Amino acid sequence: MNEERMQATERLRRELAALTATAEHPTGVCMATVTPKGEIKALHLHPALLTQGAQAVGQVVTETVRLATGAAVQVSFNKMALALGDGMAIDVESIAGDSPFRSTWNPVVPPKAPAEEAVPERRPRGPQTENLDDDAFFDNPSWLR
């Protein structure tokens, strides 16, 4: 039993060490493959991005690497949960923090602030008259169709 556990642990360690994830920027101008530690293994830039200047390139690359790193960390959480069981995965998350896709669904695009709702203007009601006529329904010819 102990030998099986040691082999499973070693297999999980190898899988996590070789793990990478690839993400594409929402605009489609950059794609990055990274490890859960954020090490960039591959980076592809669309030529149109390079015409936007160094600051734009840096921002897009940073956002794309952050997306790919989050995906890689999420995959590593999933592999740990499969290998160790949900209880142990929950314990790991309590120490390491929530998995990336649990804490936010899209870390690149900031949520838009909700538009302020206009409060409808209150209009005073006109004088109410009491109508005692039960046949008022039939007084409107549009209702007789």
C-alpha atoms as a PDB file:
ATOM      1  CA  MET A   1       0.000   0.000   0.000  1.00  0.00           C
ATOM      2  CA  ASN A   2       2.776   2.422   0.919  1.00  0.00           C
ATOM      3  CA  GLU A   3       4.679   1.584  -2.295  1.00  0.00           C
ATOM      4  CA  GLU A   4       1.560   2.320  -4.401  1.00  0.00           C
ATOM      5  CA  ARG A   5       1.137   5.661  -2.671  1.00  0.00           C
ATOM      6  CA  MET A   6       4.768   6.561  -3.309  1.00  0.00           C
ATOM      7  CA  GLN A   7       4.424   5.668  -7.000  1.00  0.00           C
ATOM      8  CA  ALA A   8       1.208   7.685  -7.312  1.00  0.00           C
ATOM      9  CA  THR A   9       2.859  10.660  -5.621  1.00  0.00           C
ATOM     10  CA  GLU A  10       5.859  10.467  -7.940  1.00  0.00           C
ATOM     11  CA  ARG A  11       3.599  10.161 -10.990  1.00  0.00           C
ATOM     12  CA  LEU A  12       1.606  13.229  -9.855  1.00  0.00           C
ATOM     13  CA  ARG A  13       4.824  15.190  -9.280  1.00  0.00           C
ATOM     14  CA  ARG A  14       6.047  14.359 -12.822  1.00  0.00           C
ATOM     15  CA  GLU A  15       2.689  15.288 -14.360  1.00  0.00           C
ATOM     16  CA  LEU A  16       2.607  18.615 -12.513  1.00  0.00           C
ATOM     17  CA  ALA A  17       6.220  19.390 -13.459  1.00  0.00           C
ATOM     18  CA  ALA A  18       5.464  18.832 -17.163  1.00  0.00           C
ATOM     19  CA  LEU A  19       2.127  20.638 -17.129  1.00  0.00           C
ATOM     20  CA  THR A  20       1.534  23.641 -19.381  1.00  0.00           C
ATOM     21  CA  ALA A  21      -1.524  25.509 -20.540  1.00  0.00           C
ATOM     22  CA  THR A  22      -2.135  27.699 -23.558  1.00  0.00           C
ATOM     23  CA  ALA A  23      -4.392  30.749 -23.592  1.00  0.00           C
ATOM     24  CA  GLU A  24      -5.305  33.255 -26.239  1.00  0.00           C
ATOM     25  CA  HIS A  25      -5.908  36.922 -25.497  1.00  0.00           C
ATOM     26  CA  PRO A  26      -9.590  37.863 -25.933  1.00  0.00           C
ATOM     27  CA  THR A  27      -8.642  40.078 -28.886  1.00  0.00           C
ATOM     28  CA  GLY A  28      -6.862  37.174 -30.608  1.00  0.00           C
ATOM     29  CA  VAL A  29      -3.575  39.024 -31.098  1.00  0.00           C
ATOM     30  CA  CYS A  30      -1.502  36.971 -28.662  1.00  0.00           C
ATOM     31  CA  MET A  31      -1.231  33.338 -27.561  1.00  0.00           C
ATOM     32  CA  ALA A  32       0.939  32.088 -24.699  1.00  0.00           C
ATOM     33  CA  THR A  33       1.867  28.659 -23.366  1.00  0.00           C
ATOM     34  CA  VAL A  34       3.069  28.708 -19.754  1.00  0.00           C
ATOM     35  CA  THR A  35       3.617  26.520 -16.699  1.00  0.00           C
ATOM     36  CA  PRO A  36       1.700  26.917 -13.438  1.00  0.00           C
ATOM     37  CA  LYS A  37       4.705  28.878 -12.152  1.00  0.00           C
ATOM     38  CA  GLY A  38       4.308  31.406 -14.972  1.00  0.00           C
ATOM     39  CA  GLU A  39       7.307  30.272 -17.009  1.00  0.00           C
ATOM     40  CA  ILE A  40       6.669  31.150 -20.648  1.00  0.00           C
ATOM     41  CA  LYS A  41       7.219  28.152 -22.922  1.00  0.00           C
ATOM     42  CA  ALA A  42       5.849  29.698 -26.143  1.00  0.00           C
ATOM     43  CA  LEU A  43       4.592  33.113 -27.190  1.00  0.00           C
ATOM     44  CA  HIS A  44       2.915  33.982 -30.487  1.00  0.00           C
ATOM     45  CA  LEU A  45       2.164  37.582 -31.432  1.00  0.00           C
ATOM     46  CA  HIS A  46      -0.012  38.704 -34.316  1.00  0.00           C
ATOM     47  CA  PRO A  47       1.807  41.223 -36.546  1.00  0.00           C
ATOM     48  CA  ALA A  48      -1.015  43.735 -36.026  1.00  0.00           C
ATOM     49  CA  LEU A  49      -0.159  43.863 -32.307  1.00  0.00           C
ATOM     50  CA  LEU A  50       3.406  44.941 -33.020  1.00  0.00           C
ATOM     51  CA  THR A  51       2.180  48.101 -34.740  1.00  0.00           C
ATOM     52  CA  GLN A  52       0.427  49.285 -31.565  1.00  0.00           C
ATOM     53  CA  GLY A  53       3.582  50.210 -29.672  1.00  0.00           C
ATOM     54  CA  ALA A  54       5.653  48.727 -26.889  1.00  0.00           C
ATOM     55  CA  GLN A  55       3.246  49.559 -24.059  1.00  0.00           C
ATOM     56  CA  ALA A  56       0.309  47.857 -25.788  1.00  0.00           C
ATOM     57  CA  VAL A  57       2.433  44.805 -26.605  1.00  0.00           C
ATOM     58  CA  GLY A  58       3.597  44.553 -23.006  1.00  0.00           C
ATOM     59  CA  GLN A  59       0.073  44.855 -21.635  1.00  0.00           C
ATOM     60  CA  VAL A  60      -1.372  42.247 -24.011  1.00  0.00           C
ATOM     61  CA  VAL A  61       1.494  39.816 -23.367  1.00  0.00           C
ATOM     62  CA  THR A  62       1.158  40.264 -19.598  1.00  0.00           C
ATOM     63  CA  GLU A  63      -2.605  39.692 -19.701  1.00  0.00           C
ATOM     64  CA  THR A  64      -2.244  36.642 -21.926  1.00  0.00           C
ATOM     65  CA  VAL A  65       0.461  35.103 -19.744  1.00  0.00           C
ATOM     66  CA  ARG A  66      -1.730  35.733 -16.691  1.00  0.00           C
ATOM     67  CA  LEU A  67      -4.645  33.957 -18.409  1.00  0.00           C
ATOM     68  CA  ALA A  68      -2.477  30.990 -19.383  1.00  0.00           C
ATOM     69  CA  THR A  69      -0.925  30.791 -15.915  1.00  0.00           C
ATOM     70  CA  GLY A  70      -4.386  30.762 -14.350  1.00  0.00           C
ATOM     71  CA  ALA A  71      -5.411  27.974 -16.706  1.00  0.00           C
ATOM     72  CA  ALA A  72      -2.265  25.974 -15.868  1.00  0.00           C
ATOM     73  CA  VAL A  73      -2.821  26.400 -12.144  1.00  0.00           C
ATOM     74  CA  GLN A  74      -6.447  25.319 -12.595  1.00  0.00           C
ATOM     75  CA  VAL A  75      -5.374  22.189 -14.479  1.00  0.00           C
ATOM     76  CA  SER A  76      -2.889  21.391 -11.707  1.00  0.00           C
ATOM     77  CA  PHE A  77      -5.660  21.792  -9.094  1.00  0.00           C
ATOM     78  CA  ASN A  78      -7.834  19.443 -11.148  1.00  0.00           C
ATOM     79  CA  LYS A  79      -5.049  16.837 -11.411  1.00  0.00           C
ATOM     80  CA  MET A  80      -4.418  17.031  -7.672  1.00  0.00           C
ATOM     81  CA  ALA A  81      -8.125  16.597  -6.967  1.00  0.00           C
ATOM     82  CA  LEU A  82      -8.219  13.485  -9.180  1.00  0.00           C
ATOM     83  CA  ALA A  83      -5.116  11.999  -7.597  1.00  0.00           C
ATOM     84  CA  LEU A  84      -5.662  12.991  -3.966  1.00  0.00           C
ATOM     85  CA  GLY A  85      -9.429  13.178  -3.726  1.00  0.00           C
ATOM     86  CA  ASP A  86     -11.766  16.089  -3.204  1.00  0.00           C
ATOM     87  CA  GLY A  87     -11.111  16.345   0.537  1.00  0.00           C
ATOM     88  CA  MET A  88      -7.382  16.806   0.072  1.00  0.00           C
ATOM     89  CA  ALA A  89      -7.954  19.209  -2.836  1.00  0.00           C
ATOM     90  CA  ILE A  90     -10.169  21.343  -0.598  1.00  0.00           C
ATOM     91  CA  ASP A  91      -7.424  21.333   2.039  1.00  0.00           C
ATOM     92  CA  VAL A  92      -4.856  22.418  -0.566  1.00  0.00           C
ATOM     93  CA  GLU A  93      -7.165  25.227  -1.741  1.00  0.00           C
ATOM     94  CA  SER A  94      -7.632  26.398   1.842  1.00  0.00           C
ATOM     95  CA  ILE A  95      -3.850  26.803   2.104  1.00  0.00           C
ATOM     96  CA  ALA A  96      -3.045  28.017  -1.424  1.00  0.00           C
ATOM     97  CA  GLY A  97      -6.213  30.030  -2.030  1.00  0.00           C
ATOM     98  CA  ASP A  98      -9.079  29.474  -4.420  1.00  0.00           C
ATOM     99  CA  SER A  99      -8.318  27.989  -7.791  1.00  0.00           C
ATOM    100  CA  PRO A 100      -8.082  30.668 -10.501  1.00  0.00           C
ATOM    101  CA  PHE A 101     -11.299  29.809 -12.300  1.00  0.00           C
ATOM    102  CA  ARG A 102     -13.229  29.617  -9.064  1.00  0.00           C
ATOM    103  CA  SER A 103     -12.167  33.086  -7.944  1.00  0.00           C
ATOM    104  CA  THR A 104     -12.898  34.772 -11.271  1.00  0.00           C
ATOM    105  CA  TRP A 105     -14.189  33.633 -14.612  1.00  0.00           C
ATOM    106  CA  ASN A 106     -12.200  36.091 -16.729  1.00  0.00           C
ATOM    107  CA  PRO A 107      -9.290  37.877 -15.088  1.00  0.00           C
ATOM    108  CA  VAL A 108      -8.407  40.010 -18.131  1.00  0.00           C
ATOM    109  CA  VAL A 109     -11.632  41.855 -18.799  1.00  0.00           C
ATOM    110  CA  PRO A 110     -12.602  43.984 -15.791  1.00  0.00           C
ATOM    111  CA  PRO A 111     -16.275  43.893 -14.941  1.00  0.00           C
ATOM    112  CA  LYS A 112     -18.205  46.886 -16.190  1.00  0.00           C
ATOM    113  CA  ALA A 113     -19.657  49.124 -13.533  1.00  0.00           C
ATOM    114  CA  PRO A 114     -23.419  48.797 -13.496  1.00  0.00           C
ATOM    115  CA  ALA A 115     -25.144  51.745 -15.090  1.00  0.00           C
ATOM    116  CA  GLU A 116     -26.849  53.945 -12.619  1.00  0.00           C
ATOM    117  CA  GLU A 117     -30.521  53.260 -12.705  1.00  0.00           C
ATOM    118  CA  ALA A 118     -32.608  56.329 -13.195  1.00  0.00           C
ATOM    119  CA  VAL A 119     -35.186  56.685 -10.481  1.00  0.00           C
ATOM    120  CA  PRO A 120     -38.539  57.195 -12.140  1.00  0.00           C
ATOM    121  CA  GLU A 121     -40.024  60.568 -11.502  1.00  0.00           C
ATOM    122  CA  ARG A 122     -42.949  60.438  -9.114  1.00  0.00           C
ATOM    123  CA  ARG A 123     -45.973  62.134 -10.464  1.00  0.00           C
ATOM    124  CA  PRO A 124     -48.790  63.137  -8.202  1.00  0.00           C
ATOM    125  CA  ARG A 125     -51.995  61.309  -8.895  1.00  0.00           C
ATOM    126  CA  GLY A 126     -54.956  63.209 -10.227  1.00  0.00           C
ATOM    127  CA  PRO A 127     -58.137  63.431  -8.237  1.00  0.00           C
ATOM    128  CA  GLN A 128     -59.881  60.113  -7.947  1.00  0.00           C
ATOM    129  CA  THR A 129     -63.597  59.955  -8.442  1.00  0.00           C
ATOM    130  CA  GLU A 130     -65.696  57.120  -7.263  1.00  0.00           C
ATOM    131  CA  ASN A 131     -67.537  55.448 -10.131  1.00  0.00           C
ATOM    132  CA  LEU A 132     -70.553  53.556  -8.912  1.00  0.00           C
ATOM    133  CA  ASP A 133     -71.721  52.579 -12.391  1.00  0.00           C
ATOM    134  CA  ASP A 134     -71.295  48.801 -12.816  1.00  0.00           C
ATOM    135  CA  ASP A 135     -71.795  49.092 -16.553  1.00  0.00           C
ATOM    136  CA  ALA A 136     -68.727  51.332 -17.095  1.00  0.00           C
ATOM    137  CA  PHE A 137     -67.030  48.448 -18.924  1.00  0.00           C
ATOM    138  CA  PHE A 138     -69.524  48.693 -21.761  1.00  0.00           C
ATOM    139  CA  ASP A 139     -69.151  52.460 -22.096  1.00  0.00           C
ATOM    140  CA  ASN A 140     -65.816  52.055 -23.969  1.00  0.00           C
ATOM    141  CA  PRO A 141     -66.575  50.986 -27.576  1.00  0.00           C
ATOM    142  CA  SER A 142     -63.054  49.551 -28.116  1.00  0.00           C
ATOM    143  CA  TRP A 143     -63.858  46.827 -25.596  1.00  0.00           C
ATOM    144  CA  LEU A 144     -66.910  45.642 -27.538  1.00  0.00           C
ATOM    145  CA  ARG A 145     -64.958  44.012 -30.366  1.00  0.00           C
END
